[in-house]
Amino acid sequence: YFVHRVNFNIKNKDNKTAFDLAQKFIQDYKYLEISNLLRNYNNIYYVGTKDKQVGITALMLACIRGDQATAKTLIAEVKDAINKKDKNGDTPLHFALRSRNIDIAKMLIAAGAKVNEKNNLGDTPLNEVINIFDKAQREEIVKLLLEKGSGISENKNGENIMHLAVRKNMPELILFLKQNFGKSAKNKDGKTAYDLAKEIGKKSDAMKEVINALDGIAPVASTKR
C-alpha cells in the first residue's frame, strides 16, 4: 500500500489541490463537515495523482487517524461512503481495523459495513484483525464480524485468517477461530495452518503454543499482546 503525505499546496494535473477535491466532494454530498475536517489537519493522506485514482475518502481518512467524532458524523450523513473502496480495494472497515481504531470499526459494522468485502490482495476485514495487538479487543471484533456473517476466505496467497494468525504467533486467536473454522484449509503451497506452524516451529520455539492451540490446547496465560 503506497500512501503518501502531501501538502495542501501540491496540485494534480488538473491544477487542483487536495482541498479543491474535498470541496468537490462537499458539493456532491452537500456536506460541510468534510471541509472542516481538512481545515483541522495540516495535511491529508492522498493516494495517486489523478482524480479517478485518489480513492481515499474523508471517512477513510478519519478511520486512519482515529477521528471518532468525524467518523461518526460521516457514517450517519454519507451513507454510500461506508462501503466505498480506494484504488487498493480497501474499505473504511479495512482501514479502521488495520489502524487499530476499534471503536470506529464497531461503528462501521453497526452501520452496515460489508464484512466479507475483499481488497485487491484478497483480504477481508476478518484478515485485518491480526493487526490488533490487544487480545480482548481482537476477540471482541472477531465475534462481532462472525455475528454479522463474516466467513473464512483465502487471499491471493491462498492464505486465510488461520494461516495469518500462525504467522503472527497468536495462539489465543487460533484457538478461538478453530472452534468456528477448523484447520484444514490449504494455502497456495498446499500447507494448512497446522503445516505452517510445524514448519515455522522447526526454527522457533515460540510456535509451541500456536501448535498446541491448533491441537485444541489452551495457551498458557501470558502478558504478551
Protein backbone atom coordinates (compact mmCIF):
# COMPACT_ATOMS: atom_id res chain seq x y z
CA TYR A 1 0.00 0.00 0.00
CA PHE A 2 1.61 3.24 -1.10
CA VAL A 3 0.09 6.10 0.84
CA HIS A 4 1.84 9.44 0.56
CA ARG A 5 1.55 12.51 2.75
CA VAL A 6 1.22 15.67 0.69
CA ASN A 7 0.87 19.37 1.40
CA PHE A 8 -2.30 21.33 0.59
CA ASN A 9 -0.38 23.42 -1.96
CA ILE A 10 0.51 20.49 -4.19
CA LYS A 11 -1.69 20.32 -7.27
CA ASN A 12 -2.59 17.50 -9.59
CA LYS A 13 -2.51 17.56 -13.38
CA ASP A 14 -5.84 19.40 -13.39
CA ASN A 15 -4.36 22.14 -11.19
CA LYS A 16 -6.40 21.05 -8.16
CA THR A 17 -5.20 20.74 -4.56
CA ALA A 18 -6.47 18.20 -2.03
CA PHE A 19 -8.72 20.93 -0.62
CA ASP A 20 -10.17 21.60 -4.09
CA LEU A 21 -11.03 17.91 -4.39
CA ALA A 22 -12.61 17.94 -0.95
CA GLN A 23 -14.75 20.92 -1.95
CA LYS A 24 -15.98 18.94 -4.97
CA PHE A 25 -16.77 16.06 -2.62
CA ILE A 26 -18.73 18.51 -0.48
CA GLN A 27 -20.74 19.72 -3.46
CA ASP A 28 -21.54 16.14 -4.39
CA TYR A 29 -22.73 15.22 -0.91
CA LYS A 30 -23.84 18.66 0.30
CA TYR A 31 -21.89 18.14 3.46
CA LEU A 32 -19.65 20.79 5.06
CA GLU A 33 -18.03 18.71 7.79
CA ILE A 34 -15.56 17.30 5.25
CA SER A 35 -14.26 20.80 4.64
CA ASN A 36 -13.89 21.30 8.38
CA LEU A 37 -12.02 18.01 8.63
CA LEU A 38 -9.41 19.13 6.12
CA ARG A 39 -9.07 22.58 7.70
CA ASN A 40 -8.28 20.94 11.03
CA TYR A 41 -5.49 18.82 9.58
CA ASN A 42 -2.18 20.20 8.36
CA ASN A 43 -2.03 17.65 5.60
CA ILE A 44 -4.04 14.82 4.09
CA TYR A 45 -3.25 11.24 3.16
CA TYR A 46 -3.66 11.20 -0.55
CA VAL A 47 -3.42 8.23 -2.89
CA GLY A 48 -2.46 8.65 -6.51
CA THR A 49 -2.22 11.75 -8.68
CA LYS A 50 -5.32 11.61 -10.87
CA ASP A 51 -8.85 12.36 -9.70
CA LYS A 52 -10.08 8.87 -10.54
CA GLN A 53 -7.20 7.32 -8.62
CA VAL A 54 -7.47 9.34 -5.42
CA GLY A 55 -9.54 6.74 -3.64
CA ILE A 56 -9.07 7.98 -0.08
CA THR A 57 -12.33 9.47 1.18
CA ALA A 58 -12.86 11.66 4.22
CA LEU A 59 -14.30 8.66 6.08
CA MET A 60 -11.24 6.56 5.26
CA LEU A 61 -9.03 9.38 6.49
CA ALA A 62 -10.98 9.52 9.75
CA CYS A 63 -10.57 5.74 10.11
CA ILE A 64 -6.82 6.01 9.61
CA ARG A 65 -6.43 8.91 12.03
CA GLY A 66 -8.81 7.55 14.66
CA ASP A 67 -11.07 10.61 14.46
CA GLN A 68 -14.17 9.13 16.06
CA ALA A 69 -16.28 12.29 16.03
CA THR A 70 -15.79 12.86 12.31
CA ALA A 71 -16.24 9.18 11.52
CA LYS A 72 -19.50 9.09 13.46
CA THR A 73 -20.84 12.11 11.57
CA LEU A 74 -19.78 10.83 8.16
CA ILE A 75 -21.20 7.36 8.81
CA ALA A 76 -24.53 8.95 9.69
CA GLU A 77 -24.65 11.50 6.88
CA VAL A 78 -22.76 10.00 3.91
CA LYS A 79 -24.25 6.52 3.71
CA ASP A 80 -22.63 5.42 0.46
CA ALA A 81 -19.15 6.17 1.84
CA ILE A 82 -19.40 3.28 4.31
CA ASN A 83 -18.54 0.61 1.73
CA LYS A 84 -16.66 2.71 -0.82
CA LYS A 85 -13.28 1.31 -1.86
CA ASP A 86 -9.98 3.01 -2.59
CA LYS A 87 -7.77 2.02 -5.53
CA ASN A 88 -6.36 -0.88 -3.49
CA GLY A 89 -9.84 -2.22 -2.85
CA ASP A 90 -9.77 -1.28 0.83
CA THR A 91 -12.96 -0.15 2.54
CA PRO A 92 -13.21 2.10 5.62
CA LEU A 93 -13.55 -1.08 7.71
CA HIS A 94 -10.23 -2.40 6.37
CA PHE A 95 -8.60 0.90 7.32
CA ALA A 96 -10.17 1.07 10.79
CA LEU A 97 -9.05 -2.45 11.70
CA ARG A 98 -5.60 -2.07 10.17
CA SER A 99 -5.14 1.16 12.11
CA ARG A 100 -6.45 -0.50 15.29
CA ASN A 101 -9.24 2.04 15.68
CA ILE A 102 -11.66 -0.41 17.25
CA ASP A 103 -14.47 1.96 18.20
CA ILE A 104 -14.69 3.25 14.63
CA ALA A 105 -14.68 -0.32 13.32
CA LYS A 106 -17.61 -1.13 15.60
CA MET A 107 -19.48 1.94 14.37
CA LEU A 108 -18.94 0.87 10.77
CA ILE A 109 -20.11 -2.68 11.42
CA ALA A 110 -23.20 -1.44 13.25
CA ALA A 111 -23.95 0.87 10.31
CA GLY A 112 -23.91 -1.98 7.81
CA ALA A 113 -20.31 -2.19 6.61
CA LYS A 114 -19.87 -5.26 4.40
CA VAL A 115 -17.80 -7.73 6.41
CA ASN A 116 -16.88 -10.02 3.52
CA GLU A 117 -15.55 -7.40 1.10
CA LYS A 118 -12.12 -8.30 -0.29
CA ASN A 119 -9.42 -5.83 -1.22
CA ASN A 120 -7.12 -6.28 -4.21
CA LEU A 121 -4.94 -8.69 -2.22
CA GLY A 122 -7.96 -10.80 -1.41
CA ASP A 123 -8.02 -9.85 2.27
CA THR A 124 -11.35 -9.37 4.03
CA PRO A 125 -11.80 -7.28 7.20
CA LEU A 126 -11.50 -10.51 9.22
CA ASN A 127 -7.94 -10.90 7.97
CA GLU A 128 -7.14 -7.42 9.29
CA VAL A 129 -7.74 -8.42 12.92
CA ILE A 130 -4.17 -9.72 13.05
CA ASN A 131 -3.15 -6.05 13.26
CA ILE A 132 -4.94 -5.68 16.61
CA PHE A 133 -2.44 -6.26 19.43
CA ASP A 134 -4.86 -6.27 22.36
CA LYS A 135 -6.24 -9.80 22.79
CA ALA A 136 -9.56 -8.73 24.30
CA GLN A 137 -10.20 -6.22 21.52
CA ARG A 138 -9.18 -8.76 18.90
CA GLU A 139 -11.63 -11.34 20.22
CA GLU A 140 -14.41 -8.76 20.51
CA ILE A 141 -14.04 -7.73 16.88
CA VAL A 142 -13.81 -11.32 15.64
CA LYS A 143 -17.03 -12.20 17.48
CA LEU A 144 -18.73 -9.15 16.02
CA LEU A 145 -17.59 -9.96 12.48
CA LEU A 146 -18.76 -13.55 12.81
CA GLU A 147 -22.14 -12.42 14.14
CA LYS A 148 -22.51 -10.27 11.02
CA GLY A 149 -21.79 -13.21 8.74
CA SER A 150 -18.06 -12.96 8.15
CA GLY A 151 -16.70 -16.16 6.68
CA ILE A 152 -13.21 -17.55 6.26
CA SER A 153 -11.75 -16.89 2.82
CA GLU A 154 -8.42 -17.11 1.09
CA ASN A 155 -6.40 -14.12 -0.04
CA LYS A 156 -4.29 -14.12 -3.20
CA ASN A 157 -1.58 -16.09 -1.42
CA GLY A 158 -4.14 -18.78 -0.71
CA GLU A 159 -3.96 -17.99 3.00
CA ASN A 160 -6.86 -17.43 5.36
CA ILE A 161 -7.10 -15.93 8.84
CA MET A 162 -5.78 -19.16 10.40
CA HIS A 163 -2.58 -19.02 8.36
CA LEU A 164 -2.17 -15.32 9.14
CA ALA A 165 -2.69 -15.92 12.86
CA VAL A 166 0.01 -18.59 12.77
CA ARG A 167 2.44 -16.19 11.11
CA LYS A 168 1.64 -13.57 13.76
CA ASN A 169 2.04 -16.12 16.59
CA MET A 170 -1.45 -15.56 18.03
CA PRO A 171 -2.41 -18.81 19.82
CA GLU A 172 -5.49 -17.32 21.53
CA LEU A 173 -6.91 -16.17 18.20
CA ILE A 174 -6.18 -19.55 16.62
CA LEU A 175 -7.92 -21.41 19.44
CA PHE A 176 -10.98 -19.18 19.08
CA LEU A 177 -11.08 -19.41 15.28
CA LYS A 178 -10.56 -23.16 15.30
CA GLN A 179 -13.94 -23.54 17.02
CA ASN A 180 -15.55 -21.83 14.03
CA PHE A 181 -13.43 -22.76 11.03
CA GLY A 182 -11.24 -25.78 11.71
CA LYS A 183 -7.71 -26.06 10.36
CA SER A 184 -7.95 -27.96 7.08
CA ALA A 185 -7.80 -25.09 4.53
CA LYS A 186 -4.59 -25.03 2.48
CA ASN A 187 -2.63 -22.10 1.07
CA LYS A 188 -1.24 -21.96 -2.48
CA ASP A 189 1.74 -24.06 -1.33
CA GLY A 190 -0.62 -26.78 -0.15
CA LYS A 191 0.01 -26.07 3.52
CA THR A 192 -2.65 -25.94 6.21
CA ALA A 193 -2.25 -23.62 9.19
CA TYR A 194 -1.03 -26.65 11.13
CA ASP A 195 1.57 -27.48 8.46
CA LEU A 196 2.75 -23.88 8.51
CA ALA A 197 3.05 -23.84 12.30
CA LYS A 198 5.07 -27.06 12.28
CA GLU A 199 7.35 -25.69 9.57
CA ILE A 200 7.97 -22.42 11.41
CA GLY A 201 8.25 -24.34 14.68
CA LYS A 202 11.39 -26.05 13.43
CA LYS A 203 13.06 -22.65 13.55
CA SER A 204 11.28 -21.09 16.52
CA ASP A 205 10.26 -22.38 19.95
CA ALA A 206 7.63 -19.63 20.02
CA MET A 207 5.41 -21.80 17.81
CA LYS A 208 4.79 -24.35 20.56
CA GLU A 209 1.71 -22.55 21.91
CA VAL A 210 0.40 -22.00 18.38
CA ILE A 211 0.70 -25.71 17.60
CA ASN A 212 -0.99 -26.52 20.91
CA ALA A 213 -3.81 -24.12 20.00
CA LEU A 214 -4.27 -25.88 16.67
CA ASP A 215 -4.49 -29.12 18.65
CA GLY A 216 -7.17 -27.53 20.83
CA ILE A 217 -4.95 -26.92 23.86
CA ALA A 218 -5.47 -23.54 25.51
CA PRO A 219 -2.34 -21.36 25.62
CA VAL A 220 -0.66 -20.63 28.94
CA ALA A 221 -1.62 -17.24 30.38
CA SER A 222 0.83 -14.63 29.15
CA THR A 223 1.37 -10.89 29.34
CA LYS A 224 2.20 -10.76 25.63
CA ARG A 225 -0.23 -8.92 23.35
